[in-house]
C-alpha atoms as a PDB file:
ATOM      1  CA  MET A   1     -21.674  23.280  -1.725  1.00  0.00           C
ATOM      2  CA  GLY A   2     -19.850  22.315   1.487  1.00  0.00           C
ATOM      3  CA  ARG A   3     -16.826  20.074   1.559  1.00  0.00           C
ATOM      4  CA  LYS A   4     -17.796  16.475   2.315  1.00  0.00           C
ATOM      5  CA  VAL A   5     -15.727  14.816   5.036  1.00  0.00           C
ATOM      6  CA  CYS A   6     -15.061  11.211   5.982  1.00  0.00           C
ATOM      7  CA  TYR A   7     -14.486  10.872   9.728  1.00  0.00           C
ATOM      8  CA  ILE A   8     -12.382   7.841  10.655  1.00  0.00           C
ATOM      9  CA  GLN A   9     -12.915   6.824  14.268  1.00  0.00           C
ATOM     10  CA  VAL A  10      -9.647   5.654  15.832  1.00  0.00           C
ATOM     11  CA  GLY A  11      -9.453   3.698  19.081  1.00  0.00           C
ATOM     12  CA  PRO A  12      -6.411   2.797  21.220  1.00  0.00           C
ATOM     13  CA  ASP A  13      -6.060  -0.588  19.497  1.00  0.00           C
ATOM     14  CA  ASP A  14      -6.138   1.107  16.110  1.00  0.00           C
ATOM     15  CA  LEU A  15      -3.294   3.421  17.060  1.00  0.00           C
ATOM     16  CA  SER A  16      -1.078   0.535  18.120  1.00  0.00           C
ATOM     17  CA  ARG A  17      -1.923  -1.545  15.035  1.00  0.00           C
ATOM     18  CA  SER A  18      -1.532   1.185  12.425  1.00  0.00           C
ATOM     19  CA  ARG A  19       1.601   0.937  10.294  1.00  0.00           C
ATOM     20  CA  PHE A  20       3.178   1.818   6.985  1.00  0.00           C
ATOM     21  CA  ALA A  21       3.161  -0.599   4.043  1.00  0.00           C
ATOM     22  CA  ILE A  22       4.343  -0.795   0.435  1.00  0.00           C
ATOM     23  CA  SER A  23       2.401  -2.492  -2.369  1.00  0.00           C
ATOM     24  CA  GLN A  24       3.859  -3.370  -5.759  1.00  0.00           C
ATOM     25  CA  LEU A  25       0.372  -3.910  -7.170  1.00  0.00           C
ATOM     26  CA  TRP A  26      -0.953  -0.591  -5.933  1.00  0.00           C
ATOM     27  CA  GLU A  27       1.938   1.089  -7.741  1.00  0.00           C
ATOM     28  CA  LEU A  28       1.339  -1.006 -10.847  1.00  0.00           C
ATOM     29  CA  THR A  29      -2.383  -0.280 -11.153  1.00  0.00           C
ATOM     30  CA  ALA A  30      -1.780   3.430 -10.499  1.00  0.00           C
ATOM     31  CA  ALA A  31       0.940   3.495 -13.193  1.00  0.00           C
ATOM     32  CA  ILE A  32      -1.318   1.737 -15.714  1.00  0.00           C
ATOM     33  CA  ARG A  33      -4.065   4.280 -15.109  1.00  0.00           C
ATOM     34  CA  LEU A  34      -1.670   7.175 -15.639  1.00  0.00           C
ATOM     35  CA  LEU A  35      -0.227   5.711 -18.823  1.00  0.00           C
ATOM     36  CA  ALA A  36      -3.691   5.022 -20.257  1.00  0.00           C
ATOM     37  CA  GLY A  37      -4.976   8.513 -19.529  1.00  0.00           C
ATOM     38  CA  PRO A  38      -4.374  11.881 -21.172  1.00  0.00           C
ATOM     39  CA  PRO A  39      -1.142  13.722 -20.315  1.00  0.00           C
ATOM     40  CA  PHE A  40      -1.364  16.167 -17.416  1.00  0.00           C
ATOM     41  CA  PRO A  41       1.155  18.099 -15.301  1.00  0.00           C
ATOM     42  CA  THR A  42       2.800  15.696 -12.865  1.00  0.00           C
ATOM     43  CA  PRO A  43       6.250  15.362 -11.311  1.00  0.00           C
ATOM     44  CA  ILE A  44       6.697  11.973 -12.996  1.00  0.00           C
ATOM     45  CA  ARG A  45       6.131  13.134 -16.579  1.00  0.00           C
ATOM     46  CA  PRO A  46       9.727  12.164 -17.483  1.00  0.00           C
ATOM     47  CA  TRP A  47       9.001   8.584 -16.395  1.00  0.00           C
ATOM     48  CA  LEU A  48       5.676   8.531 -18.227  1.00  0.00           C
ATOM     49  CA  ALA A  49       7.399   9.671 -21.422  1.00  0.00           C
ATOM     50  CA  ARG A  50      10.016   6.917 -21.092  1.00  0.00           C
ATOM     51  CA  ALA A  51       7.457   4.224 -20.275  1.00  0.00           C
ATOM     52  CA  ARG A  52       4.797   5.079 -22.853  1.00  0.00           C
ATOM     53  CA  GLU A  53       6.377   3.047 -25.669  1.00  0.00           C
ATOM     54  CA  ARG A  54       6.637  -0.010 -23.396  1.00  0.00           C
ATOM     55  CA  PHE A  55       3.017   0.534 -22.387  1.00  0.00           C
ATOM     56  CA  GLN A  56       1.809   0.638 -25.989  1.00  0.00           C
ATOM     57  CA  ALA A  57       3.717  -2.566 -26.782  1.00  0.00           C
ATOM     58  CA  LEU A  58       2.254  -4.211 -23.675  1.00  0.00           C
ATOM     59  CA  ARG A  59      -1.255  -3.148 -24.685  1.00  0.00           C
ATOM     60  CA  ARG A  60      -0.855  -5.028 -27.966  1.00  0.00           C
ATOM     61  CA  GLU A  61       0.238  -8.198 -26.139  1.00  0.00           C
ATOM     62  CA  ALA A  62      -1.776  -8.224 -22.901  1.00  0.00           C
ATOM     63  CA  ASP A  63      -5.473  -7.618 -22.242  1.00  0.00           C
ATOM     64  CA  LEU A  64      -5.058  -4.328 -20.372  1.00  0.00           C
ATOM     65  CA  ASP A  65      -8.618  -3.304 -21.230  1.00  0.00           C
ATOM     66  CA  VAL A  66      -9.827  -5.782 -18.609  1.00  0.00           C
ATOM     67  CA  VAL A  67      -7.731  -4.123 -15.892  1.00  0.00           C
ATOM     68  CA  LEU A  68      -8.645  -0.608 -17.028  1.00  0.00           C
ATOM     69  CA  ALA A  69     -12.359  -1.479 -16.945  1.00  0.00           C
ATOM     70  CA  LEU A  70     -11.968  -2.069 -13.200  1.00  0.00           C
ATOM     71  CA  HIS A  71     -10.817   1.522 -12.576  1.00  0.00           C
ATOM     72  CA  ALA A  72     -13.069   4.542 -13.020  1.00  0.00           C
ATOM     73  CA  PRO A  73     -12.195   8.175 -12.213  1.00  0.00           C
ATOM     74  CA  GLY A  74     -11.781   8.460  -8.457  1.00  0.00           C
ATOM     75  CA  TRP A  75     -12.428   4.742  -7.879  1.00  0.00           C
ATOM     76  CA  GLY A  76     -10.714   1.392  -8.320  1.00  0.00           C
ATOM     77  CA  ALA A  77     -11.472  -2.276  -7.676  1.00  0.00           C
ATOM     78  CA  ASP A  78      -9.899  -3.207  -4.347  1.00  0.00           C
ATOM     79  CA  PHE A  79      -9.128  -6.816  -5.255  1.00  0.00           C
ATOM     80  CA  THR A  80      -6.674  -5.730  -7.992  1.00  0.00           C
ATOM     81  CA  SER A  81      -4.307  -3.969  -5.601  1.00  0.00           C
ATOM     82  CA  PRO A  82      -3.869  -5.819  -2.290  1.00  0.00           C
ATOM     83  CA  VAL A  83      -1.570  -4.249   0.272  1.00  0.00           C
ATOM     84  CA  PRO A  84       0.669  -6.310   2.571  1.00  0.00           C
ATOM     85  CA  THR A  85       0.441  -5.548   6.262  1.00  0.00           C
ATOM     86  CA  GLY A  86       4.053  -4.344   6.382  1.00  0.00           C
ATOM     87  CA  LEU A  87       7.043  -3.423   4.244  1.00  0.00           C
ATOM     88  CA  ALA A  88       7.799  -7.026   3.323  1.00  0.00           C
ATOM     89  CA  GLY A  89       5.879  -8.779   0.573  1.00  0.00           C
ATOM     90  CA  THR A  90       6.732 -10.016  -2.894  1.00  0.00           C
ATOM     91  CA  ILE A  91       4.915  -9.438  -6.158  1.00  0.00           C
ATOM     92  CA  GLY A  92       4.245 -13.181  -6.246  1.00  0.00           C
ATOM     93  CA  ASP A  93       2.540 -13.007  -2.846  1.00  0.00           C
ATOM     94  CA  LEU A  94       0.336 -10.135  -3.955  1.00  0.00           C
ATOM     95  CA  LEU A  95      -0.610 -11.749  -7.276  1.00  0.00           C
ATOM     96  CA  GLY A  96      -1.523 -14.843  -5.274  1.00  0.00           C
ATOM     97  CA  GLN A  97      -3.879 -12.690  -3.197  1.00  0.00           C
ATOM     98  CA  VAL A  98      -5.543 -11.410  -6.381  1.00  0.00           C
ATOM     99  CA  ARG A  99      -6.082 -14.979  -7.629  1.00  0.00           C
ATOM    100  CA  ALA A 100      -7.437 -16.037  -4.232  1.00  0.00           C
ATOM    101  CA  ALA A 101      -9.703 -13.009  -3.744  1.00  0.00           C
ATOM    102  CA  PRO A 102     -13.074 -14.005  -2.268  1.00  0.00           C
ATOM    103  CA  PRO A 103     -15.548 -14.499  -5.144  1.00  0.00           C
ATOM    104  CA  GLU A 104     -18.189 -12.315  -3.479  1.00  0.00           C
ATOM    105  CA  ALA A 105     -15.662  -9.453  -3.151  1.00  0.00           C
ATOM    106  CA  VAL A 106     -14.681  -9.815  -6.817  1.00  0.00           C
ATOM    107  CA  ARG A 107     -18.329  -9.799  -7.924  1.00  0.00           C
ATOM    108  CA  ARG A 108     -19.018  -6.708  -5.813  1.00  0.00           C
ATOM    109  CA  ASP A 109     -16.027  -4.845  -7.258  1.00  0.00           C
ATOM    110  CA  VAL A 110     -16.872  -5.865 -10.820  1.00  0.00           C
ATOM    111  CA  ALA A 111     -20.497  -4.781 -10.451  1.00  0.00           C
ATOM    112  CA  GLU A 112     -19.432  -1.402  -9.076  1.00  0.00           C
ATOM    113  CA  ALA A 113     -16.829  -0.940 -11.816  1.00  0.00           C
ATOM    114  CA  LEU A 114     -19.264  -1.748 -14.622  1.00  0.00           C
ATOM    115  CA  SER A 115     -21.814   0.658 -13.153  1.00  0.00           C
ATOM    116  CA  ARG A 116     -19.229   3.455 -13.236  1.00  0.00           C
ATOM    117  CA  LYS A 117     -17.526   2.828 -16.574  1.00  0.00           C
ATOM    118  CA  ARG A 118     -18.611   1.495 -19.973  1.00  0.00           C
ATOM    119  CA  ALA A 119     -16.941  -1.700 -21.137  1.00  0.00           C
ATOM    120  CA  SER A 120     -17.184  -3.838 -24.268  1.00  0.00           C
ATOM    121  CA  ASP A 121     -19.275  -7.002 -24.273  1.00  0.00           C
ATOM    122  CA  ARG A 122     -16.051  -9.045 -24.441  1.00  0.00           C
ATOM    123  CA  VAL A 123     -14.610  -7.383 -21.334  1.00  0.00           C
ATOM    124  CA  ARG A 124     -17.916  -7.674 -19.450  1.00  0.00           C
ATOM    125  CA  THR A 125     -18.053 -11.402 -20.242  1.00  0.00           C
ATOM    126  CA  ILE A 126     -14.543 -11.936 -18.865  1.00  0.00           C
ATOM    127  CA  LEU A 127     -15.118  -9.892 -15.712  1.00  0.00           C
ATOM    128  CA  THR A 128     -18.447 -11.510 -14.863  1.00  0.00           C
ATOM    129  CA  GLY A 129     -17.125 -15.039 -15.403  1.00  0.00           C
ATOM    130  CA  ASP A 130     -15.904 -17.392 -12.698  1.00  0.00           C
ATOM    131  CA  GLY A 131     -12.243 -16.996 -13.674  1.00  0.00           C
ATOM    132  CA  ALA A 132     -12.149 -13.183 -13.534  1.00  0.00           C
ATOM    133  CA  ALA A 133      -9.667 -12.908 -10.652  1.00  0.00           C
ATOM    134  CA  GLY A 134      -7.180 -15.328 -12.224  1.00  0.00           C
ATOM    135  CA  TYR A 135      -7.464 -13.616 -15.609  1.00  0.00           C
ATOM    136  CA  VAL A 136      -6.808 -10.202 -14.061  1.00  0.00           C
ATOM    137  CA  ALA A 137      -3.839 -11.581 -12.105  1.00  0.00           C
ATOM    138  CA  ASP A 138      -2.275 -12.937 -15.313  1.00  0.00           C
ATOM    139  CA  VAL A 139      -2.605  -9.549 -17.016  1.00  0.00           C
ATOM    140  CA  LEU A 140      -1.111  -7.790 -13.993  1.00  0.00           C
ATOM    141  CA  ALA A 141       1.813 -10.229 -13.950  1.00  0.00           C
ATOM    142  CA  ALA A 142       2.634  -9.382 -17.571  1.00  0.00           C
ATOM    143  CA  ALA A 143       2.273  -5.663 -16.873  1.00  0.00           C
ATOM    144  CA  TRP A 144       4.569  -5.897 -13.867  1.00  0.00           C
ATOM    145  CA  GLN A 145       7.347  -7.486 -15.912  1.00  0.00           C
ATOM    146  CA  ALA A 146       7.045  -4.920 -18.702  1.00  0.00           C
ATOM    147  CA  LEU A 147       6.513  -1.706 -16.750  1.00  0.00           C
ATOM    148  CA  LEU A 148       7.766  -1.760 -13.169  1.00  0.00           C
ATOM    149  CA  GLU A 149       9.971  -4.763 -12.454  1.00  0.00           C
ATOM    150  CA  PRO A 150      13.082  -3.257 -14.138  1.00  0.00           C
ATOM    151  CA  GLU A 151      12.730  -0.088 -12.049  1.00  0.00           C
ATOM    152  CA  TRP A 152      11.409  -1.518  -8.788  1.00  0.00           C
ATOM    153  CA  PRO A 153      14.695  -1.059  -6.843  1.00  0.00           C
ATOM    154  CA  VAL A 154      14.494   2.689  -7.496  1.00  0.00           C
ATOM    155  CA  LEU A 155      10.766   2.827  -6.787  1.00  0.00           C
ATOM    156  CA  ARG A 156      11.172   0.883  -3.577  1.00  0.00           C
ATOM    157  CA  ALA A 157      13.995   3.221  -2.496  1.00  0.00           C
ATOM    158  CA  ILE A 158      11.666   6.224  -2.840  1.00  0.00           C
ATOM    159  CA  LEU A 159       8.864   4.515  -0.927  1.00  0.00           C
ATOM    160  CA  GLU A 160      11.071   3.190   1.868  1.00  0.00           C
ATOM    161  CA  ARG A 161      12.669   6.583   2.295  1.00  0.00           C
ATOM    162  CA  ASP A 162       9.250   8.156   2.663  1.00  0.00           C
ATOM    163  CA  VAL A 163       8.263   5.552   5.251  1.00  0.00           C
ATOM    164  CA  VAL A 164      11.402   6.262   7.288  1.00  0.00           C
ATOM    165  CA  TYR A 165      10.632   9.985   7.257  1.00  0.00           C
ATOM    166  CA  ARG A 166       6.948   9.559   8.176  1.00  0.00           C
ATOM    167  CA  ALA A 167       7.690   7.084  10.947  1.00  0.00           C
ATOM    168  CA  GLY A 168      10.205   9.541  12.372  1.00  0.00           C
ATOM    169  CA  GLN A 169       7.586  12.318  12.307  1.00  0.00           C
ATOM    170  CA  LEU A 170       5.111  10.074  14.072  1.00  0.00           C
ATOM    171  CA  THR A 171       7.603   9.071  16.764  1.00  0.00           C
ATOM    172  CA  ALA A 172       8.917  12.577  17.355  1.00  0.00           C
ATOM    173  CA  PHE A 173       5.783  14.699  17.067  1.00  0.00           C
ATOM    174  CA  GLY A 174       2.725  12.426  17.277  1.00  0.00           C
ATOM    175  CA  TRP A 175      -0.259  11.709  15.073  1.00  0.00           C
ATOM    176  CA  ALA A 176      -1.392  15.289  14.459  1.00  0.00           C
ATOM    177  CA  THR A 177       1.900  16.420  12.924  1.00  0.00           C
ATOM    178  CA  ALA A 178       2.521  13.174  11.041  1.00  0.00           C
ATOM    179  CA  LEU A 179      -0.920  13.118   9.417  1.00  0.00           C
ATOM    180  CA  ASP A 180      -1.056  16.832   8.640  1.00  0.00           C
ATOM    181  CA  GLY A 181       2.161  16.360   6.652  1.00  0.00           C
ATOM    182  CA  LEU A 182       0.861  13.438   4.583  1.00  0.00           C
ATOM    183  CA  HIS A 183      -1.619  15.342   2.418  1.00  0.00           C
ATOM    184  CA  PRO A 184      -3.593  18.624   2.585  1.00  0.00           C
ATOM    185  CA  ARG A 185      -6.862  16.686   2.673  1.00  0.00           C
ATOM    186  CA  LEU A 186      -5.825  14.545   5.641  1.00  0.00           C
ATOM    187  CA  SER A 187      -5.740  15.707   9.256  1.00  0.00           C
ATOM    188  CA  TRP A 188      -6.010  14.565  12.864  1.00  0.00           C
ATOM    189  CA  ARG A 189      -8.639  16.354  14.935  1.00  0.00           C
ATOM    190  CA  ASP A 190     -10.230  15.548  18.269  1.00  0.00           C
ATOM    191  CA  GLY A 191      -8.940  11.983  18.331  1.00  0.00           C
ATOM    192  CA  GLN A 192     -10.101  11.069  14.830  1.00  0.00           C
ATOM    193  CA  ILE A 193      -8.804  11.231  11.252  1.00  0.00           C
ATOM    194  CA  GLU A 194     -10.578  13.549   8.819  1.00  0.00           C
ATOM    195  CA  LEU A 195     -10.507  13.120   5.031  1.00  0.00           C
ATOM    196  CA  LEU A 196     -11.781  16.135   3.077  1.00  0.00           C
ATOM    197  CA  ASP A 197     -13.466  16.258  -0.342  1.00  0.00           C
ATOM    198  CA  GLN A 198     -15.030  12.814  -0.305  1.00  0.00           C
ATOM    199  CA  GLU A 199     -17.854  11.576  -2.547  1.00  0.00           C
ATOM    200  CA  ALA A 200     -20.197  11.580   0.434  1.00  0.00           C
ATOM    201  CA  GLU A 201     -20.183  12.509   4.111  1.00  0.00           C
ATOM    202  CA  ALA A 202     -19.352   9.374   6.102  1.00  0.00           C
ATOM    203  CA  GLU A 203     -18.169   7.958   9.402  1.00  0.00           C
ATOM    204  CA  VAL A 204     -15.898   4.906   9.463  1.00  0.00           C
ATOM    205  CA  SER A 205     -14.903   2.833  12.474  1.00  0.00           C
ATOM    206  CA  LEU A 206     -11.642   0.927  12.215  1.00  0.00           C
ATOM    207  CA  ALA A 207     -12.945  -1.429  14.926  1.00  0.00           C
ATOM    208  CA  GLY A 208      -9.492  -2.338  16.188  1.00  0.00           C
ATOM    209  CA  ARG A 209      -8.151  -3.236  12.725  1.00  0.00           C
ATOM    210  CA  GLY A 210      -5.706  -0.335  12.579  1.00  0.00           C
ATOM    211  CA  LEU A 211      -4.912   1.636   9.431  1.00  0.00           C
ATOM    212  CA  LEU A 212      -2.287   1.040   6.758  1.00  0.00           C
ATOM    213  CA  PHE A 213      -0.537   4.109   5.375  1.00  0.00           C
ATOM    214  CA  VAL A 214       0.716   3.358   1.863  1.00  0.00           C
ATOM    215  CA  PRO A 215       3.044   5.803   0.054  1.00  0.00           C
ATOM    216  CA  SER A 216       2.799   5.914  -3.735  1.00  0.00           C
ATOM    217  CA  VAL A 217       5.031   7.258  -6.484  1.00  0.00           C
ATOM    218  CA  PHE A 218       2.223   7.367  -9.047  1.00  0.00           C
ATOM    219  CA  LEU A 219      -0.653   8.808  -7.006  1.00  0.00           C
ATOM    220  CA  TRP A 220       0.331  12.509  -7.035  1.00  0.00           C
ATOM    221  CA  PRO A 221      -1.495  14.753  -6.259  1.00  0.00           C
ATOM    222  CA  ARG A 222      -4.382  12.541  -5.180  1.00  0.00           C
ATOM    223  CA  LEU A 223      -5.265  10.720  -1.993  1.00  0.00           C
ATOM    224  CA  ALA A 224      -7.036   7.342  -1.932  1.00  0.00           C
ATOM    225  CA  SER A 225      -8.598   5.273   0.832  1.00  0.00           C
ATOM    226  CA  ARG A 226     -10.537   2.076   1.438  1.00  0.00           C
ATOM    227  CA  TYR A 227     -12.160   0.521   4.505  1.00  0.00           C
ATOM    228  CA  ASP A 228     -14.434  -2.330   3.388  1.00  0.00           C
ATOM    229  CA  PRO A 229     -13.644  -5.927   4.456  1.00  0.00           C
ATOM    230  CA  PRO A 230     -12.109  -8.298   3.599  1.00  0.00           C
ATOM    231  CA  TRP A 231      -9.329  -5.841   2.801  1.00  0.00           C
ATOM    232  CA  PRO A 232      -7.483  -4.034   5.610  1.00  0.00           C
ATOM    233  CA  PRO A 233      -8.336  -0.313   5.959  1.00  0.00           C
ATOM    234  CA  ALA A 234      -5.749   1.758   4.099  1.00  0.00           C
ATOM    235  CA  VAL A 235      -4.919   5.315   3.067  1.00  0.00           C
ATOM    236  CA  MET A 236      -2.700   5.806   0.012  1.00  0.00           C
ATOM    237  CA  TYR A 237      -0.834   9.106  -0.279  1.00  0.00           C
ATOM    238  CA  PRO A 238       1.876  10.652  -2.559  1.00  0.00           C
ATOM    239  CA  ALA A 239       5.427   9.812  -1.492  1.00  0.00           C
ATOM    240  CA  ARG A 240       7.961  12.563  -0.928  1.00  0.00           C
ATOM    241  CA  GLY A 241      10.868  13.208  -3.286  1.00  0.00           C
ATOM    242  CA  VAL A 242       9.290  11.812  -6.449  1.00  0.00           C
ATOM    243  CA  ALA A 243       9.997  14.774  -8.730  1.00  0.00           C
ATOM    244  CA  ALA A 244      13.648  15.046  -7.824  1.00  0.00           C
ATOM    245  CA  LEU A 245      14.321  11.409  -8.577  1.00  0.00           C
ATOM    246  CA  TRP A 246      12.384  10.915 -11.812  1.00  0.00           C
ATOM    247  CA  GLU A 247      13.694  14.129 -13.285  1.00  0.00           C
ATOM    248  CA  ASN A 248      17.207  12.870 -12.514  1.00  0.00           C
ATOM    249  CA  PRO A 249      18.576  16.243 -11.382  1.00  0.00           C
ATOM    250  CA  GLU A 250      22.306  16.654 -11.437  1.00  0.00           C
ATOM    251  CA  PRO A 251      22.955  19.761  -9.351  1.00  0.00           C
ATOM    252  CA  ALA A 252      26.511  18.821  -8.450  1.00  0.00           C
ATOM    253  CA  THR A 253      28.029  17.489 -11.665  1.00  0.00           C
ATOM    254  CA  GLY A 254      30.154  18.956 -14.393  1.00  0.00           C
ATOM    255  CA  ASP A 255      32.263  21.877 -13.225  1.00  0.00           C
ATOM    256  CA  SER A 256      30.430  22.756  -9.998  1.00  0.00           C
ATOM    257  CA  GLY A 257      32.484  23.761  -6.991  1.00  0.00           C
ATOM    258  CA  LEU A 258      31.163  20.865  -4.908  1.00  0.00           C
ATOM    259  CA  THR A 259      32.123  18.368  -7.604  1.00  0.00           C
ATOM    260  CA  ARG A 260      35.642  19.755  -7.811  1.00  0.00           C
ATOM    261  CA  LEU A 261      35.897  19.656  -4.020  1.00  0.00           C
ATOM    262  CA  ILE A 262      34.758  16.098  -3.268  1.00  0.00           C
ATOM    263  CA  GLY A 263      34.239  14.417  -6.654  1.00  0.00           C
ATOM    264  CA  PRO A 264      31.047  13.771  -8.672  1.00  0.00           C
ATOM    265  CA  ALA A 265      30.009  10.515  -6.990  1.00  0.00           C
ATOM    266  CA  ARG A 266      30.314  11.893  -3.443  1.00  0.00           C
ATOM    267  CA  ALA A 267      28.679  15.158  -4.491  1.00  0.00           C
ATOM    268  CA  ALA A 268      25.699  13.229  -5.893  1.00  0.00           C
ATOM    269  CA  ILE A 269      25.365  11.302  -2.622  1.00  0.00           C
ATOM    270  CA  LEU A 270      25.529  14.456  -0.524  1.00  0.00           C
ATOM    271  CA  ILE A 271      22.874  16.159  -2.662  1.00  0.00           C
ATOM    272  CA  ALA A 272      20.666  13.052  -2.509  1.00  0.00           C
ATOM    273  CA  LEU A 273      20.735  13.072   1.302  1.00  0.00           C
ATOM    274  CA  ASP A 274      18.010  15.699   1.611  1.00  0.00           C
ATOM    275  CA  GLY A 275      16.386  13.152   3.914  1.00  0.00           C
ATOM    276  CA  PRO A 276      17.686  10.087   5.785  1.00  0.00           C
ATOM    277  CA  ALA A 277      18.582   7.168   3.511  1.00  0.00           C
ATOM    278  CA  SER A 278      20.307   3.798   3.702  1.00  0.00           C
ATOM    279  CA  THR A 279      23.240   2.640   1.591  1.00  0.00           C
ATOM    280  CA  THR A 280      20.927   0.380  -0.415  1.00  0.00           C
ATOM    281  CA  GLN A 281      18.443   3.175  -1.081  1.00  0.00           C
ATOM    282  CA  LEU A 282      21.170   5.566  -2.222  1.00  0.00           C
ATOM    283  CA  ALA A 283      22.649   2.928  -4.516  1.00  0.00           C
ATOM    284  CA  ALA A 284      19.270   2.339  -6.160  1.00  0.00           C
ATOM    285  CA  MET A 285      18.525   6.040  -6.503  1.00  0.00           C
ATOM    286  CA  LEU A 286      21.903   7.002  -7.945  1.00  0.00           C
ATOM    287  CA  GLY A 287      22.759   3.933 -10.003  1.00  0.00           C
ATOM    288  CA  GLN A 288      25.955   3.255  -8.047  1.00  0.00           C
ATOM    289  CA  THR A 289      26.984  -0.053  -6.504  1.00  0.00           C
ATOM    290  CA  ILE A 290      26.315  -0.632  -2.801  1.00  0.00           C
ATOM    291  CA  GLY A 291      30.028  -1.083  -2.168  1.00  0.00           C
ATOM    292  CA  ALA A 292      30.928   2.182  -3.869  1.00  0.00           C
ATOM    293  CA  VAL A 293      28.225   4.089  -2.006  1.00  0.00           C
ATOM    294  CA  GLY A 294      29.428   2.599   1.292  1.00  0.00           C
ATOM    295  CA  ASP A 295      32.995   3.702   0.586  1.00  0.00           C
ATOM    296  CA  HIS A 296      31.903   7.228  -0.335  1.00  0.00           C
ATOM    297  CA  LEU A 297      29.687   7.494   2.757  1.00  0.00           C
ATOM    298  CA  ALA A 298      32.640   6.519   4.936  1.00  0.00           C
ATOM    299  CA  VAL A 299      34.681   9.368   3.458  1.00  0.00           C
ATOM    300  CA  LEU A 300      31.830  11.863   3.822  1.00  0.00           C
ATOM    301  CA  ARG A 301      31.312  10.782   7.419  1.00  0.00           C
ATOM    302  CA  ALA A 302      35.017  11.106   8.221  1.00  0.00           C
ATOM    303  CA  ALA A 303      34.927  14.624   6.767  1.00  0.00           C
ATOM    304  CA  GLY A 304      32.044  15.586   9.048  1.00  0.00           C
ATOM    305  CA  LEU A 305      29.530  15.971   6.207  1.00  0.00           C
ATOM    306  CA  THR A 306      27.257  13.068   7.187  1.00  0.00           C
ATOM    307  CA  VAL A 307      26.303  11.108  10.279  1.00  0.00           C
ATOM    308  CA  ARG A 308      24.627   7.739  10.650  1.00  0.00           C
ATOM    309  CA  ALA A 309      22.138   6.218  13.072  1.00  0.00           C
ATOM    310  CA  ARG A 310      20.327   2.893  13.304  1.00  0.00           C
ATOM    311  CA  SER A 311      16.579   2.802  12.625  1.00  0.00           C
ATOM    312  CA  GLY A 312      15.186  -0.690  13.178  1.00  0.00           C
ATOM    313  CA  ARG A 313      17.186  -3.045  10.972  1.00  0.00           C
ATOM    314  CA  SER A 314      18.554  -0.245   8.776  1.00  0.00           C
ATOM    315  CA  VAL A 315      21.459   2.166   9.175  1.00  0.00           C
ATOM    316  CA  LEU A 316      20.406   5.574   7.873  1.00  0.00           C
ATOM    317  CA  TYR A 317      22.684   8.418   6.821  1.00  0.00           C
ATOM    318  CA  ARG A 318      21.876  12.118   6.853  1.00  0.00           C
ATOM    319  CA  ARG A 319      23.762  15.329   6.257  1.00  0.00           C
ATOM    320  CA  THR A 320      25.287  17.339   9.077  1.00  0.00           C
ATOM    321  CA  ALA A 321      24.882  21.120   9.235  1.00  0.00           C
ATOM    322  CA  VAL A 322      28.134  21.458   7.290  1.00  0.00           C
ATOM    323  CA  GLY A 323      26.855  19.000   4.671  1.00  0.00           C
ATOM    324  CA  ASP A 324      23.601  20.961   4.414  1.00  0.00           C
ATOM    325  CA  ALA A 325      25.530  24.165   3.836  1.00  0.00           C
ATOM    326  CA  LEU A 326      27.644  22.632   1.063  1.00  0.00           C
ATOM    327  CA  ALA A 327      24.598  21.111  -0.644  1.00  0.00           C
ATOM    328  CA  ALA A 328      22.707  24.413  -0.455  1.00  0.00           C
ATOM    329  CA  ALA A 329      25.665  26.303  -1.879  1.00  0.00           C
ATOM    330  CA  ALA A 330      25.935  23.823  -4.763  1.00  0.00           C
ATOM    331  CA  ALA A 331      22.208  24.148  -5.508  1.00  0.00           C
ATOM    332  CA  GLY A 332      22.477  27.932  -5.469  1.00  0.00           C
ATOM    333  CA  GLN A 333      25.461  27.839  -7.814  1.00  0.00           C
ATOM    334  CA  ASP A 334      23.568  25.554 -10.185  1.00  0.00           C
ATOM    335  CA  ARG A 335      20.537  27.906 -10.265  1.00  0.00           C
ATOM    336  CA  ARG A 336      22.793  30.836 -11.084  1.00  0.00           C
ATOM    337  CA  GLY A 337      24.214  28.797 -13.962  1.00  0.00           C
END
């Protein structure tokens, strides 16, 4: 059987209107699906193990079965996970979009979900009622508070860092390189985007709407997409650097040479700078205060181990060649034990 491909037709207006975005609700629904499913090899298994007890407690208190009924293998109801058109957007804004979802779109999603997955009579009654969107939004609000809100600064740091990297690839090398690096199933060929291994062969026109690229911590190793109005066309892909963060590696602690040379806090920052990052992102990733990270970055920069450059409204730091060499040596020492 041949590989089915979705061909996304991209015009000049689409190129100029395409952008990266972050969605708290996309992350939440993806996390719920992972926690409800059987264990499988994934870079975020340490997080899943930590969150499973909270998930079980939440399941006793909130009607998660209603949300889970809206997500079948390889498919999910679009109205449960709106995506803002940029990096800004609060969880309150997104929950408001769920509550205000067009009734016809909700009915269409519910009908598709119930055709793909069995649900109890109680759940079917809730989802086919007039208040389905509001009910789902209330459950998602409770799930957000229990599962992701405490860790959102760290999650957002991962996602923003990925966006900075991808945007840099796009600016420096163009669409072909940027898209080929997003996911093995995604590529740019002959002026169009190709998505491999789809349910059916298809052609999609963005019609000047542009395309949102949405990184996800919880999607690995999958790729997801949607194109049907009223939602903006979007492709969701696995963010970079997820495994390293959730496994909390400590390659430069204890008695390592790098730690003895520059101290544990600065060593952790230098190791974490395997890609450009802001002071805020580093603070969230490493559990240090913004002020402390800023002070350490100043010392590392004065020592010639890091440099900084402005990217939009952010100041991003990265390692110099000397910093790369020290980080690589520390990693090699750690592997040797």
